[in-house]
C-alpha atoms as a PDB file:
ATOM      1  CA  UNK A   1     -41.832   4.336  43.164  1.00  0.00           C
ATOM      2  CA  UNK A   2     -40.992   7.523  44.277  1.00  0.00           C
ATOM      3  CA  UNK A   3     -39.341   6.709  47.516  1.00  0.00           C
ATOM      4  CA  UNK A   4     -36.531   5.202  45.503  1.00  0.00           C
ATOM      5  CA  UNK A   5     -35.686   8.538  43.677  1.00  0.00           C
ATOM      6  CA  UNK A   6     -32.900  10.795  44.971  1.00  0.00           C
ATOM      7  CA  UNK A   7     -32.001  14.202  43.410  1.00  0.00           C
ATOM      8  CA  UNK A   8     -28.899  14.665  40.942  1.00  0.00           C
ATOM      9  CA  UNK A   9     -29.117  18.264  41.607  1.00  0.00           C
ATOM     10  CA  UNK A  10     -32.474  19.537  43.336  1.00  0.00           C
ATOM     11  CA  UNK A  11     -34.399  22.512  42.240  1.00  0.00           C
ATOM     12  CA  UNK A  12     -35.190  25.283  44.625  1.00  0.00           C
ATOM     13  CA  UNK A  13     -39.115  25.088  44.236  1.00  0.00           C
ATOM     14  CA  UNK A  14     -40.554  21.400  44.006  1.00  0.00           C
ATOM     15  CA  UNK A  15     -43.325  19.141  45.229  1.00  0.00           C
ATOM     16  CA  UNK A  16     -43.544  15.671  45.813  1.00  0.00           C
ATOM     17  CA  UNK A  17     -46.357  13.389  46.641  1.00  0.00           C
ATOM     18  CA  UNK A  18     -46.235   9.414  45.953  1.00  0.00           C
ATOM     19  CA  UNK A  19     -48.194  10.045  42.683  1.00  0.00           C
ATOM     20  CA  UNK A  20     -47.299  13.578  41.444  1.00  0.00           C
ATOM     21  CA  UNK A  21     -43.867  15.836  41.282  1.00  0.00           C
ATOM     22  CA  UNK A  22     -44.051  19.061  40.365  1.00  0.00           C
ATOM     23  CA  UNK A  23     -40.499  21.216  39.575  1.00  0.00           C
ATOM     24  CA  UNK A  24     -39.951  24.933  39.194  1.00  0.00           C
ATOM     25  CA  UNK A  25     -37.617  25.246  36.980  1.00  0.00           C
ATOM     26  CA  UNK A  26     -35.336  28.071  37.327  1.00  0.00           C
ATOM     27  CA  UNK A  27     -33.670  29.881  34.691  1.00  0.00           C
ATOM     28  CA  UNK A  28     -30.371  29.574  33.462  1.00  0.00           C
ATOM     29  CA  UNK A  29     -30.641  25.729  34.163  1.00  0.00           C
ATOM     30  CA  UNK A  30     -29.767  23.297  31.270  1.00  0.00           C
ATOM     31  CA  UNK A  31     -28.124  20.120  30.168  1.00  0.00           C
ATOM     32  CA  UNK A  32     -25.694  20.406  26.653  1.00  0.00           C
ATOM     33  CA  UNK A  33     -21.822  18.959  25.929  1.00  0.00           C
ATOM     34  CA  UNK A  34     -20.012  20.999  23.580  1.00  0.00           C
ATOM     35  CA  UNK A  35     -21.490  19.957  20.073  1.00  0.00           C
ATOM     36  CA  UNK A  36     -21.948  23.046  17.532  1.00  0.00           C
ATOM     37  CA  UNK A  37     -22.696  25.683  20.104  1.00  0.00           C
ATOM     38  CA  UNK A  38     -19.196  25.127  21.751  1.00  0.00           C
ATOM     39  CA  UNK A  39     -20.130  25.476  25.200  1.00  0.00           C
ATOM     40  CA  UNK A  40     -21.237  23.468  28.415  1.00  0.00           C
ATOM     41  CA  UNK A  41     -24.521  23.394  30.547  1.00  0.00           C
ATOM     42  CA  UNK A  42     -24.434  20.627  33.618  1.00  0.00           C
ATOM     43  CA  UNK A  43     -27.023  22.300  36.070  1.00  0.00           C
ATOM     44  CA  UNK A  44     -30.186  21.381  35.411  1.00  0.00           C
ATOM     45  CA  UNK A  45     -32.010  19.363  38.258  1.00  0.00           C
ATOM     46  CA  UNK A  46     -32.876  15.499  37.752  1.00  0.00           C
ATOM     47  CA  UNK A  47     -34.770  13.384  40.172  1.00  0.00           C
ATOM     48  CA  UNK A  48     -33.314   9.485  39.214  1.00  0.00           C
ATOM     49  CA  UNK A  49     -33.581   6.406  40.592  1.00  0.00           C
ATOM     50  CA  UNK A  50     -30.479   3.529  40.448  1.00  0.00           C
ATOM     51  CA  UNK A  51     -30.779   0.084  39.275  1.00  0.00           C
ATOM     52  CA  UNK A  52     -28.594  -2.900  37.509  1.00  0.00           C
ATOM     53  CA  UNK A  53     -31.186  -4.160  36.157  1.00  0.00           C
ATOM     54  CA  UNK A  54     -30.379  -4.664  32.339  1.00  0.00           C
ATOM     55  CA  UNK A  55     -33.876  -5.492  30.931  1.00  0.00           C
ATOM     56  CA  UNK A  56     -36.856  -2.362  31.520  1.00  0.00           C
ATOM     57  CA  UNK A  57     -39.008   0.177  30.848  1.00  0.00           C
ATOM     58  CA  UNK A  58     -39.861   3.252  32.703  1.00  0.00           C
ATOM     59  CA  UNK A  59     -42.691   5.645  31.603  1.00  0.00           C
ATOM     60  CA  UNK A  60     -43.886   9.033  32.441  1.00  0.00           C
ATOM     61  CA  UNK A  61     -46.132  11.503  31.830  1.00  0.00           C
ATOM     62  CA  UNK A  62     -45.151  15.050  31.684  1.00  0.00           C
ATOM     63  CA  UNK A  63     -47.290  18.155  32.054  1.00  0.00           C
ATOM     64  CA  UNK A  64     -45.698  21.332  30.685  1.00  0.00           C
ATOM     65  CA  UNK A  65     -49.000  23.389  30.692  1.00  0.00           C
ATOM     66  CA  UNK A  66     -46.944  26.241  31.935  1.00  0.00           C
ATOM     67  CA  UNK A  67     -44.539  26.497  29.447  1.00  0.00           C
ATOM     68  CA  UNK A  68     -44.119  29.926  27.860  1.00  0.00           C
ATOM     69  CA  UNK A  69     -40.524  30.671  26.883  1.00  0.00           C
ATOM     70  CA  UNK A  70     -38.125  29.713  24.407  1.00  0.00           C
ATOM     71  CA  UNK A  71     -36.310  26.006  25.218  1.00  0.00           C
ATOM     72  CA  UNK A  72     -38.403  25.800  28.363  1.00  0.00           C
ATOM     73  CA  UNK A  73     -38.435  22.088  28.908  1.00  0.00           C
ATOM     74  CA  UNK A  74     -38.661  18.795  30.778  1.00  0.00           C
ATOM     75  CA  UNK A  75     -39.104  14.979  30.215  1.00  0.00           C
ATOM     76  CA  UNK A  76     -37.057  11.605  30.890  1.00  0.00           C
ATOM     77  CA  UNK A  77     -33.151  11.667  32.253  1.00  0.00           C
ATOM     78  CA  UNK A  78     -30.598   9.363  32.220  1.00  0.00           C
ATOM     79  CA  UNK A  79     -28.019  11.028  33.818  1.00  0.00           C
ATOM     80  CA  UNK A  80     -24.572   9.249  34.663  1.00  0.00           C
ATOM     81  CA  UNK A  81     -22.527  11.955  34.866  1.00  0.00           C
ATOM     82  CA  UNK A  82     -21.443  15.183  33.168  1.00  0.00           C
ATOM     83  CA  UNK A  83     -20.179  13.368  30.166  1.00  0.00           C
ATOM     84  CA  UNK A  84     -22.676  11.140  29.957  1.00  0.00           C
ATOM     85  CA  UNK A  85     -26.567  10.988  29.843  1.00  0.00           C
ATOM     86  CA  UNK A  86     -29.553  11.212  27.564  1.00  0.00           C
ATOM     87  CA  UNK A  87     -33.170  13.185  27.729  1.00  0.00           C
ATOM     88  CA  UNK A  88     -36.201  13.513  25.567  1.00  0.00           C
ATOM     89  CA  UNK A  89     -38.953  16.225  26.336  1.00  0.00           C
ATOM     90  CA  UNK A  90     -40.955  18.800  24.182  1.00  0.00           C
ATOM     91  CA  UNK A  91     -38.821  22.324  24.079  1.00  0.00           C
ATOM     92  CA  UNK A  92     -41.388  25.375  23.867  1.00  0.00           C
ATOM     93  CA  UNK A  93     -39.974  27.952  21.186  1.00  0.00           C
ATOM     94  CA  UNK A  94     -42.965  30.114  20.062  1.00  0.00           C
ATOM     95  CA  UNK A  95     -46.511  30.278  19.967  1.00  0.00           C
ATOM     96  CA  UNK A  96     -46.639  28.318  16.586  1.00  0.00           C
ATOM     97  CA  UNK A  97     -44.482  25.196  17.225  1.00  0.00           C
ATOM     98  CA  UNK A  98     -42.224  23.566  20.093  1.00  0.00           C
ATOM     99  CA  UNK A  99     -39.402  20.785  19.313  1.00  0.00           C
ATOM    100  CA  UNK A 100     -39.924  16.910  20.409  1.00  0.00           C
ATOM    101  CA  UNK A 101     -36.892  15.676  20.603  1.00  0.00           C
ATOM    102  CA  UNK A 102     -33.578  13.813  22.454  1.00  0.00           C
ATOM    103  CA  UNK A 103     -30.036  14.288  23.268  1.00  0.00           C
ATOM    104  CA  UNK A 104     -27.770  11.759  23.547  1.00  0.00           C
ATOM    105  CA  UNK A 105     -24.481  12.663  24.902  1.00  0.00           C
ATOM    106  CA  UNK A 106     -21.760  10.146  24.489  1.00  0.00           C
ATOM    107  CA  UNK A 107     -17.989  10.959  26.340  1.00  0.00           C
ATOM    108  CA  UNK A 108     -18.857  14.588  26.037  1.00  0.00           C
ATOM    109  CA  UNK A 109     -20.399  14.831  22.871  1.00  0.00           C
ATOM    110  CA  UNK A 110     -24.010  15.680  22.511  1.00  0.00           C
ATOM    111  CA  UNK A 111     -26.406  15.406  19.843  1.00  0.00           C
ATOM    112  CA  UNK A 112     -30.178  16.487  19.152  1.00  0.00           C
ATOM    113  CA  UNK A 113     -32.413  15.041  17.552  1.00  0.00           C
ATOM    114  CA  UNK A 114     -36.077  17.044  16.772  1.00  0.00           C
ATOM    115  CA  UNK A 115     -39.146  17.084  15.222  1.00  0.00           C
ATOM    116  CA  UNK A 116     -41.422  20.108  14.764  1.00  0.00           C
ATOM    117  CA  UNK A 117     -44.865  19.545  16.948  1.00  0.00           C
ATOM    118  CA  UNK A 118     -48.278  22.188  16.983  1.00  0.00           C
ATOM    119  CA  UNK A 119     -47.557  24.999  20.454  1.00  0.00           C
ATOM    120  CA  UNK A 120     -51.236  23.538  21.345  1.00  0.00           C
ATOM    121  CA  UNK A 121     -49.518  19.932  22.556  1.00  0.00           C
ATOM    122  CA  UNK A 122     -49.046  20.651  26.326  1.00  0.00           C
ATOM    123  CA  UNK A 123     -48.921  16.809  28.034  1.00  0.00           C
ATOM    124  CA  UNK A 124     -46.319  13.988  26.579  1.00  0.00           C
ATOM    125  CA  UNK A 125     -45.481  10.369  27.848  1.00  0.00           C
ATOM    126  CA  UNK A 126     -41.926   8.946  27.503  1.00  0.00           C
ATOM    127  CA  UNK A 127     -40.914   5.155  27.797  1.00  0.00           C
ATOM    128  CA  UNK A 128     -37.377   4.549  28.275  1.00  0.00           C
ATOM    129  CA  UNK A 129     -36.665   0.995  27.646  1.00  0.00           C
ATOM    130  CA  UNK A 130     -33.022  -0.539  28.306  1.00  0.00           C
ATOM    131  CA  UNK A 131     -31.953  -3.351  26.790  1.00  0.00           C
ATOM    132  CA  UNK A 132     -28.113  -3.880  28.522  1.00  0.00           C
ATOM    133  CA  UNK A 133     -26.079  -0.768  27.189  1.00  0.00           C
ATOM    134  CA  UNK A 134     -28.738   0.187  24.199  1.00  0.00           C
ATOM    135  CA  UNK A 135     -31.551   2.314  25.017  1.00  0.00           C
ATOM    136  CA  UNK A 136     -34.913   3.228  22.922  1.00  0.00           C
ATOM    137  CA  UNK A 137     -36.776   6.660  23.856  1.00  0.00           C
ATOM    138  CA  UNK A 138     -40.508   6.747  22.665  1.00  0.00           C
ATOM    139  CA  UNK A 139     -43.213   9.032  23.284  1.00  0.00           C
ATOM    140  CA  UNK A 140     -47.024   9.335  22.952  1.00  0.00           C
ATOM    141  CA  UNK A 141     -49.981  11.661  23.151  1.00  0.00           C
ATOM    142  CA  UNK A 142     -52.271   8.987  25.245  1.00  0.00           C
ATOM    143  CA  UNK A 143     -49.669   6.702  27.062  1.00  0.00           C
ATOM    144  CA  UNK A 144     -51.162   3.665  24.941  1.00  0.00           C
ATOM    145  CA  UNK A 145     -49.807   4.382  21.672  1.00  0.00           C
ATOM    146  CA  UNK A 146     -46.010   4.811  21.621  1.00  0.00           C
ATOM    147  CA  UNK A 147     -43.969   5.576  18.734  1.00  0.00           C
ATOM    148  CA  UNK A 148     -40.239   5.252  18.483  1.00  0.00           C
ATOM    149  CA  UNK A 149     -38.254   8.533  18.762  1.00  0.00           C
ATOM    150  CA  UNK A 150     -34.741   6.640  18.920  1.00  0.00           C
ATOM    151  CA  UNK A 151     -32.707   4.075  19.536  1.00  0.00           C
ATOM    152  CA  UNK A 152     -28.888   4.766  20.788  1.00  0.00           C
ATOM    153  CA  UNK A 153     -25.606   2.927  22.438  1.00  0.00           C
ATOM    154  CA  UNK A 154     -24.604   4.764  25.702  1.00  0.00           C
ATOM    155  CA  UNK A 155     -20.898   3.991  26.257  1.00  0.00           C
ATOM    156  CA  UNK A 156     -21.327   4.339  30.117  1.00  0.00           C
ATOM    157  CA  UNK A 157     -24.199   2.683  30.321  1.00  0.00           C
ATOM    158  CA  UNK A 158     -23.619  -0.721  30.929  1.00  0.00           C
ATOM    159  CA  UNK A 159     -23.297  -1.813  34.718  1.00  0.00           C
ATOM    160  CA  UNK A 160     -25.584   0.326  37.241  1.00  0.00           C
ATOM    161  CA  UNK A 161     -27.263   3.310  36.229  1.00  0.00           C
ATOM    162  CA  UNK A 162     -29.338   6.532  36.866  1.00  0.00           C
ATOM    163  CA  UNK A 163     -32.460   7.131  35.303  1.00  0.00           C
ATOM    164  CA  UNK A 164     -35.637   9.745  36.132  1.00  0.00           C
ATOM    165  CA  UNK A 165     -37.076  13.270  35.351  1.00  0.00           C
ATOM    166  CA  UNK A 166     -36.110  16.566  35.140  1.00  0.00           C
ATOM    167  CA  UNK A 167     -36.980  19.937  34.340  1.00  0.00           C
ATOM    168  CA  UNK A 168     -35.337  23.280  33.069  1.00  0.00           C
ATOM    169  CA  UNK A 169     -35.183  26.730  31.909  1.00  0.00           C
ATOM    170  CA  UNK A 170     -31.808  27.182  29.221  1.00  0.00           C
ATOM    171  CA  UNK A 171     -32.887  31.086  28.903  1.00  0.00           C
ATOM    172  CA  UNK A 172     -34.731  33.580  31.792  1.00  0.00           C
ATOM    173  CA  UNK A 173     -37.642  31.753  32.664  1.00  0.00           C
ATOM    174  CA  UNK A 174     -38.969  29.906  34.995  1.00  0.00           C
ATOM    175  CA  UNK A 175     -42.271  27.322  34.891  1.00  0.00           C
ATOM    176  CA  UNK A 176     -44.077  24.781  36.908  1.00  0.00           C
ATOM    177  CA  UNK A 177     -43.672  21.174  35.091  1.00  0.00           C
ATOM    178  CA  UNK A 178     -45.476  17.912  36.409  1.00  0.00           C
ATOM    179  CA  UNK A 179     -45.066  14.357  36.105  1.00  0.00           C
ATOM    180  CA  UNK A 180     -47.431  11.597  37.087  1.00  0.00           C
ATOM    181  CA  UNK A 181     -48.558   8.303  35.877  1.00  0.00           C
ATOM    182  CA  UNK A 182     -44.755   6.753  36.569  1.00  0.00           C
ATOM    183  CA  UNK A 183     -43.712   3.246  36.171  1.00  0.00           C
ATOM    184  CA  UNK A 184     -41.443   0.337  35.919  1.00  0.00           C
ATOM    185  CA  UNK A 185     -42.242  -1.986  34.003  1.00  0.00           C
ATOM    186  CA  UNK A 186     -40.777  -5.280  31.942  1.00  0.00           C
ATOM    187  CA  UNK A 187     -38.767  -4.481  29.131  1.00  0.00           C
ATOM    188  CA  UNK A 188     -41.559  -3.521  26.289  1.00  0.00           C
ATOM    189  CA  UNK A 189     -38.725  -2.967  23.742  1.00  0.00           C
ATOM    190  CA  UNK A 190     -38.404  -6.451  22.634  1.00  0.00           C
ATOM    191  CA  UNK A 191     -35.416  -8.362  21.202  1.00  0.00           C
ATOM    192  CA  UNK A 192     -34.311  -8.177  17.169  1.00  0.00           C
ATOM    193  CA  UNK A 193     -36.001 -10.822  15.428  1.00  0.00           C
ATOM    194  CA  UNK A 194     -34.642  -9.735  12.005  1.00  0.00           C
ATOM    195  CA  UNK A 195     -31.105 -10.056  10.789  1.00  0.00           C
ATOM    196  CA  UNK A 196     -28.829 -12.316  13.149  1.00  0.00           C
ATOM    197  CA  UNK A 197     -26.104 -10.275  15.274  1.00  0.00           C
ATOM    198  CA  UNK A 198     -22.479 -10.882  13.392  1.00  0.00           C
END
């Protein structure tokens, strides 16, 4: 599977094997656009593959045992261009807690949805599912039982997209992020069976 991935901004240091990717983050790398902070950061490395498949799920296990500085993070990403992307990760905050969350950026404006989790959590699985131009992000502690983090629409998310993994350290930090157990499956996010479309 990994042979189909290409870098959208390569890091200086990484190690890629058939079943494992390690990224050494670089200081002052991040993805964010405008909202609230009024700054723009667009330099995090991402390893992605392209597809025009409209229905699929992408799964990956992340190990961030070495994260240690505020905002250190690694997770899944769908980076289309600087103004249109989504990501999900655990961001280190301090020795007590960290943020499990996701950012969706449409047309140059980001949002951030988070929940606090204990600082001793050092592994997280993610599942990104696509149904045309709508997306679902889920997380799991064990890779078996997944919980929904968010459902979102990507205004530029129809047609051919790129998706994969990323890691970064927005402040003066660096850590080794490890990605394993990557898989593409049929779409695990089933069609809605409640209220009918308008």
